[in-house]
N, C-alpha and C. Protein backbone atom coordinates (compact mmCIF):
# COMPACT_ATOMS: atom_id res chain seq x y z
N UNK A 1 -55.97 81.86 59.08
CA UNK A 1 -57.20 81.89 59.85
C UNK A 1 -57.39 80.57 60.58
N UNK A 2 -57.00 79.46 59.94
CA UNK A 2 -57.12 78.15 60.57
C UNK A 2 -56.29 78.11 61.84
N UNK A 3 -55.03 78.63 61.78
CA UNK A 3 -54.17 78.64 62.96
C UNK A 3 -54.81 79.44 64.09
N UNK A 4 -55.41 80.59 63.74
CA UNK A 4 -56.08 81.40 64.74
C UNK A 4 -57.17 80.59 65.44
N UNK A 5 -57.95 79.87 64.65
CA UNK A 5 -59.04 79.07 65.22
C UNK A 5 -58.52 77.99 66.14
N UNK A 6 -57.46 77.30 65.73
CA UNK A 6 -56.89 76.22 66.55
C UNK A 6 -56.31 76.79 67.83
N UNK A 7 -55.50 77.85 67.72
CA UNK A 7 -54.87 78.43 68.90
C UNK A 7 -55.91 79.05 69.82
N UNK A 8 -56.85 79.78 69.26
CA UNK A 8 -57.89 80.40 70.07
C UNK A 8 -58.70 79.31 70.77
N UNK A 9 -58.97 78.21 70.06
CA UNK A 9 -59.69 77.09 70.67
C UNK A 9 -58.91 76.49 71.82
N UNK A 10 -57.58 76.36 71.66
CA UNK A 10 -56.74 75.82 72.74
C UNK A 10 -56.77 76.74 73.95
N UNK A 11 -56.69 78.04 73.70
CA UNK A 11 -56.73 79.00 74.82
C UNK A 11 -58.07 78.90 75.52
N UNK A 12 -59.13 78.81 74.74
CA UNK A 12 -60.46 78.70 75.36
C UNK A 12 -60.61 77.41 76.15
N UNK A 13 -59.97 76.33 75.69
CA UNK A 13 -60.00 75.07 76.44
C UNK A 13 -59.33 75.23 77.79
N UNK A 14 -58.17 75.89 77.81
CA UNK A 14 -57.47 76.14 79.09
C UNK A 14 -58.36 76.98 79.99
N UNK A 15 -58.92 78.03 79.43
CA UNK A 15 -59.81 78.87 80.21
C UNK A 15 -61.03 78.07 80.66
N UNK A 16 -61.52 77.19 79.80
CA UNK A 16 -62.66 76.35 80.16
C UNK A 16 -62.37 75.45 81.34
N UNK A 17 -61.17 74.90 81.39
CA UNK A 17 -60.77 74.06 82.53
C UNK A 17 -60.78 74.89 83.80
N UNK A 18 -60.24 76.09 83.73
CA UNK A 18 -60.23 76.96 84.91
C UNK A 18 -61.65 77.27 85.37
N UNK A 19 -62.51 77.58 84.41
CA UNK A 19 -63.88 77.92 84.75
C UNK A 19 -64.64 76.70 85.25
N UNK A 20 -64.36 75.52 84.69
CA UNK A 20 -65.08 74.31 85.06
C UNK A 20 -64.86 73.93 86.53
N UNK A 21 -63.75 74.40 87.11
CA UNK A 21 -63.48 74.10 88.51
C UNK A 21 -64.57 74.66 89.41
N UNK A 22 -65.24 75.71 88.98
CA UNK A 22 -66.35 76.28 89.73
C UNK A 22 -67.55 76.40 88.80
N UNK A 23 -68.21 75.28 88.56
CA UNK A 23 -69.31 75.22 87.60
C UNK A 23 -70.41 76.22 87.93
N UNK A 24 -70.57 76.57 89.22
CA UNK A 24 -71.62 77.50 89.59
C UNK A 24 -71.32 78.92 89.13
N UNK A 25 -70.09 79.19 88.68
CA UNK A 25 -69.72 80.53 88.25
C UNK A 25 -69.29 80.53 86.78
N UNK A 26 -70.01 79.82 85.96
CA UNK A 26 -69.72 79.78 84.54
C UNK A 26 -69.99 81.16 83.93
N UNK A 27 -69.10 81.60 83.07
CA UNK A 27 -69.27 82.88 82.37
C UNK A 27 -69.42 82.60 80.89
N UNK A 28 -70.48 83.12 80.31
CA UNK A 28 -70.70 83.02 78.88
C UNK A 28 -70.77 84.44 78.33
N UNK A 29 -70.04 84.71 77.27
CA UNK A 29 -70.07 86.01 76.62
C UNK A 29 -70.38 85.78 75.15
N UNK A 30 -71.50 86.33 74.69
CA UNK A 30 -71.90 86.09 73.30
C UNK A 30 -71.01 86.88 72.35
N UNK A 31 -70.97 86.43 71.09
CA UNK A 31 -70.00 86.94 70.13
C UNK A 31 -70.10 88.44 69.89
N UNK A 32 -71.27 89.02 69.98
CA UNK A 32 -71.40 90.47 69.79
C UNK A 32 -70.66 91.24 70.88
N UNK A 33 -70.80 90.79 72.12
CA UNK A 33 -70.10 91.42 73.23
C UNK A 33 -68.59 91.20 73.12
N UNK A 34 -68.19 90.00 72.70
CA UNK A 34 -66.75 89.71 72.51
C UNK A 34 -66.19 90.67 71.46
N UNK A 35 -66.89 90.85 70.35
CA UNK A 35 -66.43 91.76 69.30
C UNK A 35 -66.32 93.18 69.83
N UNK A 36 -67.29 93.60 70.64
CA UNK A 36 -67.25 94.94 71.23
C UNK A 36 -66.04 95.10 72.16
N UNK A 37 -65.78 94.09 72.98
CA UNK A 37 -64.63 94.13 73.89
C UNK A 37 -63.33 94.23 73.09
N UNK A 38 -63.22 93.47 72.01
CA UNK A 38 -62.00 93.51 71.22
C UNK A 38 -61.83 94.84 70.46
N UNK A 39 -62.92 95.54 70.19
CA UNK A 39 -62.79 96.82 69.50
C UNK A 39 -62.34 97.93 70.44
N UNK A 40 -62.65 97.81 71.73
CA UNK A 40 -62.34 98.87 72.70
C UNK A 40 -61.38 98.43 73.80
N UNK A 41 -61.33 97.13 74.05
CA UNK A 41 -60.60 96.60 75.21
C UNK A 41 -61.56 96.48 76.38
N UNK A 42 -61.35 95.48 77.23
CA UNK A 42 -62.19 95.32 78.40
C UNK A 42 -62.26 93.88 78.86
N UNK A 43 -62.91 93.68 79.98
CA UNK A 43 -62.99 92.36 80.62
C UNK A 43 -63.98 91.45 79.91
N UNK A 44 -63.64 90.16 79.87
CA UNK A 44 -64.55 89.13 79.38
C UNK A 44 -65.03 88.24 80.52
N UNK A 45 -64.11 87.84 81.41
CA UNK A 45 -64.46 86.96 82.53
C UNK A 45 -63.42 87.13 83.63
N UNK A 46 -63.84 86.83 84.86
CA UNK A 46 -62.93 86.94 85.99
C UNK A 46 -63.33 85.92 87.05
N UNK A 47 -62.31 85.31 87.63
CA UNK A 47 -62.51 84.37 88.73
C UNK A 47 -61.44 84.61 89.78
N UNK A 48 -61.43 83.78 90.80
CA UNK A 48 -60.44 83.94 91.87
C UNK A 48 -59.02 83.72 91.37
N UNK A 49 -58.84 82.86 90.35
CA UNK A 49 -57.50 82.51 89.91
C UNK A 49 -57.22 82.85 88.44
N UNK A 50 -58.06 83.67 87.83
CA UNK A 50 -57.82 84.06 86.44
C UNK A 50 -58.62 85.31 86.09
N UNK A 51 -58.24 85.94 85.01
CA UNK A 51 -59.07 86.94 84.35
C UNK A 51 -58.81 86.81 82.86
N UNK A 52 -59.80 87.16 82.06
CA UNK A 52 -59.67 87.11 80.60
C UNK A 52 -60.24 88.40 80.05
N UNK A 53 -59.53 88.97 79.08
CA UNK A 53 -59.98 90.24 78.52
C UNK A 53 -59.48 90.41 77.09
N UNK A 54 -60.05 91.39 76.45
CA UNK A 54 -59.55 91.85 75.17
C UNK A 54 -58.82 93.15 75.44
N UNK A 55 -57.68 93.35 74.83
CA UNK A 55 -56.90 94.56 75.07
C UNK A 55 -56.52 95.21 73.76
N UNK A 56 -56.45 96.51 73.78
CA UNK A 56 -56.06 97.28 72.60
C UNK A 56 -55.13 98.39 73.06
N UNK A 57 -53.99 98.50 72.39
CA UNK A 57 -53.02 99.55 72.68
C UNK A 57 -52.76 100.35 71.41
N UNK A 58 -52.59 101.65 71.59
CA UNK A 58 -52.26 102.51 70.46
C UNK A 58 -50.91 103.18 70.66
N UNK A 59 -50.20 102.81 71.70
CA UNK A 59 -48.89 103.37 71.97
C UNK A 59 -48.16 102.51 72.98
N UNK A 60 -46.91 102.85 73.24
CA UNK A 60 -46.12 102.06 74.19
C UNK A 60 -46.68 102.18 75.61
N UNK A 61 -46.23 101.29 76.47
CA UNK A 61 -46.68 101.32 77.85
C UNK A 61 -45.51 101.39 78.80
N UNK A 62 -45.80 101.22 80.07
CA UNK A 62 -44.76 101.15 81.08
C UNK A 62 -44.30 99.70 81.21
N UNK A 63 -43.10 99.53 81.74
CA UNK A 63 -42.64 98.18 82.07
C UNK A 63 -43.51 97.69 83.22
N UNK A 64 -43.89 96.42 83.17
CA UNK A 64 -44.72 95.84 84.23
C UNK A 64 -44.07 94.57 84.76
N UNK A 65 -44.25 94.33 86.05
CA UNK A 65 -43.92 93.06 86.68
C UNK A 65 -45.11 92.71 87.56
N UNK A 66 -45.68 91.54 87.31
CA UNK A 66 -46.78 91.03 88.13
C UNK A 66 -46.22 89.89 88.96
N UNK A 67 -46.14 90.08 90.26
CA UNK A 67 -45.52 89.10 91.14
C UNK A 67 -46.29 87.78 91.15
N UNK A 68 -47.62 87.85 91.07
CA UNK A 68 -48.44 86.63 91.19
C UNK A 68 -49.28 86.33 89.96
N UNK A 69 -49.04 87.02 88.85
CA UNK A 69 -49.85 86.80 87.65
C UNK A 69 -48.98 86.42 86.46
N UNK A 70 -49.37 85.35 85.79
CA UNK A 70 -48.79 84.99 84.51
C UNK A 70 -49.69 85.59 83.43
N UNK A 71 -49.10 86.33 82.50
CA UNK A 71 -49.85 86.90 81.39
C UNK A 71 -49.72 86.01 80.17
N UNK A 72 -50.83 85.77 79.51
CA UNK A 72 -50.87 84.98 78.28
C UNK A 72 -51.56 85.83 77.22
N UNK A 73 -50.85 86.12 76.12
CA UNK A 73 -51.38 86.97 75.06
C UNK A 73 -51.48 86.20 73.75
N UNK A 74 -52.57 86.43 73.04
CA UNK A 74 -52.71 85.98 71.66
C UNK A 74 -53.03 87.22 70.83
N UNK A 75 -52.17 87.55 69.88
CA UNK A 75 -52.31 88.77 69.10
C UNK A 75 -53.33 88.56 67.99
N UNK A 76 -54.37 89.40 67.98
CA UNK A 76 -55.43 89.26 66.99
C UNK A 76 -55.32 90.28 65.85
N UNK A 77 -54.58 91.38 66.09
CA UNK A 77 -54.47 92.41 65.06
C UNK A 77 -53.32 93.35 65.42
N UNK A 78 -52.63 93.87 64.40
CA UNK A 78 -51.59 94.86 64.60
C UNK A 78 -50.24 94.27 64.92
N UNK A 79 -49.34 95.14 65.42
CA UNK A 79 -47.99 94.69 65.73
C UNK A 79 -47.39 95.60 66.79
N UNK A 80 -46.32 95.09 67.44
CA UNK A 80 -45.62 95.85 68.47
C UNK A 80 -44.26 95.24 68.73
N UNK A 81 -43.36 96.06 69.24
CA UNK A 81 -42.09 95.57 69.76
C UNK A 81 -42.29 95.36 71.25
N UNK A 82 -42.05 94.15 71.71
CA UNK A 82 -42.34 93.73 73.08
C UNK A 82 -41.07 93.17 73.68
N UNK A 83 -40.72 93.62 74.88
CA UNK A 83 -39.49 93.18 75.53
C UNK A 83 -39.85 92.41 76.79
N UNK A 84 -39.18 91.27 77.00
CA UNK A 84 -39.39 90.46 78.21
C UNK A 84 -38.06 90.18 78.88
N UNK A 85 -38.11 89.99 80.20
CA UNK A 85 -36.91 89.65 80.96
C UNK A 85 -36.05 90.87 81.22
N UNK A 86 -34.77 90.62 81.48
CA UNK A 86 -33.86 91.72 81.79
C UNK A 86 -34.14 92.30 83.17
N UNK A 87 -33.69 93.52 83.36
CA UNK A 87 -33.85 94.21 84.65
C UNK A 87 -34.71 95.46 84.47
N UNK A 88 -35.76 95.57 85.29
CA UNK A 88 -36.62 96.75 85.26
C UNK A 88 -35.85 97.96 85.79
N UNK A 89 -35.96 99.07 85.09
CA UNK A 89 -35.36 100.33 85.52
C UNK A 89 -36.47 101.25 86.04
N UNK A 90 -36.22 101.89 87.16
CA UNK A 90 -37.18 102.85 87.72
C UNK A 90 -38.42 102.20 88.27
N UNK A 91 -38.32 100.96 88.75
CA UNK A 91 -39.49 100.23 89.22
C UNK A 91 -40.03 100.75 90.55
N UNK A 92 -41.35 100.78 90.64
CA UNK A 92 -42.01 101.12 91.90
C UNK A 92 -43.32 100.34 92.00
N UNK A 93 -43.70 100.01 93.22
CA UNK A 93 -44.93 99.27 93.45
C UNK A 93 -46.11 100.22 93.35
N UNK A 94 -47.07 99.88 92.49
CA UNK A 94 -48.25 100.72 92.31
C UNK A 94 -49.47 100.18 93.05
N UNK A 95 -49.45 98.91 93.34
CA UNK A 95 -50.45 98.24 94.17
C UNK A 95 -49.81 96.93 94.60
N UNK A 96 -50.38 96.22 95.55
CA UNK A 96 -49.73 95.00 96.03
C UNK A 96 -49.40 94.03 94.89
N UNK A 97 -48.16 93.57 94.85
CA UNK A 97 -47.68 92.58 93.89
C UNK A 97 -47.66 93.08 92.44
N UNK A 98 -47.72 94.39 92.23
CA UNK A 98 -47.67 94.98 90.89
C UNK A 98 -46.64 96.10 90.88
N UNK A 99 -45.66 96.00 89.97
CA UNK A 99 -44.64 97.02 89.83
C UNK A 99 -44.65 97.58 88.42
N UNK A 100 -44.32 98.87 88.29
CA UNK A 100 -44.15 99.48 86.98
C UNK A 100 -42.82 100.20 86.95
N UNK A 101 -42.25 100.31 85.76
CA UNK A 101 -40.97 100.98 85.59
C UNK A 101 -40.93 101.74 84.29
N UNK A 102 -39.76 102.33 84.01
CA UNK A 102 -39.62 103.19 82.84
C UNK A 102 -38.98 102.50 81.65
N UNK A 103 -38.15 101.48 81.89
CA UNK A 103 -37.51 100.76 80.80
C UNK A 103 -36.95 99.44 81.31
N UNK A 104 -36.37 98.68 80.39
CA UNK A 104 -35.75 97.40 80.74
C UNK A 104 -34.31 97.44 80.25
N UNK A 105 -33.40 97.02 81.12
CA UNK A 105 -32.00 96.86 80.75
C UNK A 105 -31.80 95.40 80.37
N UNK A 106 -31.38 95.17 79.13
CA UNK A 106 -31.26 93.79 78.65
C UNK A 106 -32.62 93.30 78.19
N UNK A 107 -32.88 92.04 78.39
CA UNK A 107 -34.16 91.47 78.00
C UNK A 107 -34.13 90.94 76.58
N UNK A 108 -35.20 90.28 76.22
CA UNK A 108 -35.35 89.69 74.90
C UNK A 108 -36.41 90.48 74.12
N UNK A 109 -36.09 90.87 72.91
CA UNK A 109 -36.99 91.65 72.07
C UNK A 109 -37.80 90.71 71.18
N UNK A 110 -39.11 90.93 71.15
CA UNK A 110 -40.02 90.14 70.32
C UNK A 110 -40.79 91.11 69.41
N UNK A 111 -40.92 90.77 68.14
CA UNK A 111 -41.77 91.55 67.24
C UNK A 111 -43.11 90.81 67.17
N UNK A 112 -44.08 91.29 67.95
CA UNK A 112 -45.39 90.64 67.99
C UNK A 112 -46.24 91.11 66.82
N UNK A 113 -46.96 90.14 66.23
CA UNK A 113 -47.88 90.46 65.14
C UNK A 113 -49.04 89.48 65.15
N UNK A 114 -50.04 89.76 64.34
CA UNK A 114 -51.25 88.93 64.30
C UNK A 114 -50.89 87.46 64.22
N UNK A 115 -51.52 86.66 65.08
CA UNK A 115 -51.31 85.23 65.11
C UNK A 115 -50.27 84.77 66.11
N UNK A 116 -49.48 85.69 66.67
CA UNK A 116 -48.46 85.31 67.65
C UNK A 116 -49.08 85.05 69.02
N UNK A 117 -48.39 84.21 69.78
CA UNK A 117 -48.78 83.85 71.14
C UNK A 117 -47.56 84.03 72.02
N UNK A 118 -47.75 84.58 73.21
CA UNK A 118 -46.64 84.71 74.15
C UNK A 118 -47.17 84.56 75.57
N UNK A 119 -46.44 83.82 76.40
CA UNK A 119 -46.79 83.64 77.81
C UNK A 119 -45.65 84.20 78.65
N UNK A 120 -45.98 85.09 79.57
CA UNK A 120 -44.99 85.77 80.40
C UNK A 120 -45.20 85.31 81.84
N UNK A 121 -44.27 84.49 82.36
CA UNK A 121 -44.44 83.97 83.73
C UNK A 121 -44.46 85.09 84.78
N UNK A 122 -45.16 84.85 85.86
CA UNK A 122 -45.20 85.79 86.98
C UNK A 122 -43.77 86.15 87.37
N UNK A 123 -43.56 87.43 87.70
CA UNK A 123 -42.26 87.90 88.12
C UNK A 123 -41.34 88.34 87.00
N UNK A 124 -41.78 88.21 85.74
CA UNK A 124 -40.95 88.57 84.58
C UNK A 124 -41.27 89.99 84.11
N UNK A 125 -40.27 90.87 84.04
CA UNK A 125 -40.53 92.19 83.48
C UNK A 125 -40.97 92.06 82.01
N UNK A 126 -41.92 92.89 81.61
CA UNK A 126 -42.37 92.91 80.22
C UNK A 126 -42.86 94.30 79.87
N UNK A 127 -42.77 94.61 78.53
CA UNK A 127 -42.97 96.00 78.12
C UNK A 127 -43.35 96.08 76.65
N UNK A 128 -44.44 96.76 76.37
CA UNK A 128 -44.78 97.14 75.01
C UNK A 128 -43.94 98.39 74.72
N UNK A 129 -42.76 98.18 74.15
CA UNK A 129 -41.81 99.26 73.94
C UNK A 129 -42.21 100.17 72.78
N UNK A 130 -42.67 99.58 71.69
CA UNK A 130 -43.09 100.36 70.52
C UNK A 130 -44.38 99.76 69.95
N UNK A 131 -45.34 100.62 69.69
CA UNK A 131 -46.59 100.22 69.03
C UNK A 131 -46.80 101.21 67.89
N UNK A 132 -46.36 100.84 66.67
CA UNK A 132 -46.39 101.79 65.54
C UNK A 132 -47.78 102.36 65.23
N UNK A 133 -48.81 101.52 65.25
CA UNK A 133 -50.18 101.99 64.97
C UNK A 133 -51.08 101.57 66.12
N UNK A 134 -51.36 100.28 66.19
CA UNK A 134 -52.15 99.73 67.30
C UNK A 134 -51.94 98.22 67.33
N UNK A 135 -52.29 97.65 68.46
CA UNK A 135 -52.23 96.20 68.61
C UNK A 135 -53.43 95.78 69.45
N UNK A 136 -54.07 94.70 69.04
CA UNK A 136 -55.22 94.15 69.75
C UNK A 136 -54.86 92.71 70.11
N UNK A 137 -55.19 92.31 71.34
CA UNK A 137 -54.83 90.97 71.77
C UNK A 137 -55.80 90.44 72.82
N UNK A 138 -55.89 89.13 72.84
CA UNK A 138 -56.65 88.39 73.84
C UNK A 138 -55.69 88.14 74.98
N UNK A 139 -56.09 88.44 76.22
CA UNK A 139 -55.20 88.31 77.36
C UNK A 139 -55.87 87.48 78.47
N UNK A 140 -55.13 86.48 78.93
CA UNK A 140 -55.55 85.69 80.10
C UNK A 140 -54.50 85.91 81.17
N UNK A 141 -54.92 86.21 82.37
CA UNK A 141 -54.03 86.31 83.52
C UNK A 141 -54.35 85.14 84.44
N UNK A 142 -53.34 84.33 84.72
CA UNK A 142 -53.49 83.22 85.65
C UNK A 142 -52.86 83.69 86.95
N UNK A 143 -53.64 83.68 88.02
CA UNK A 143 -53.23 84.25 89.29
C UNK A 143 -52.83 83.17 90.28
N UNK A 144 -51.58 83.27 90.78
CA UNK A 144 -51.09 82.34 91.80
C UNK A 144 -51.67 82.75 93.15
N UNK A 145 -51.95 81.76 94.00
CA UNK A 145 -52.45 82.10 95.34
C UNK A 145 -51.38 82.78 96.18
């Protein structure tokens, strides 16, 4: 629990620096709303160069590549097999600078579980390949101009 507090505090500090750049747009979310977001998934804060949310998955997803977004995840509950890198198979653009695919050829396999942290640089294929039960995570997206 101590590690969670330290890591979560570090993530909040980074997010705080991003938010501090525009003091007139400070976002505060009280703990009850944060708990609600983590139980269902949803947005916590958004700015021109970032977004922060709680996410919950109960099954695998599609392969994703975000051309201009770095994803930062902190796992708060559950586990999943997560693949990064390699080559996206069946990729297609679903909206500007966002691609989805059906699988990854090659790549690095990670077994994500509570307390883990992973940062996926913009342009890197990534995929929740297997989610045995569910996984809940804090997600920050840092958006390049």
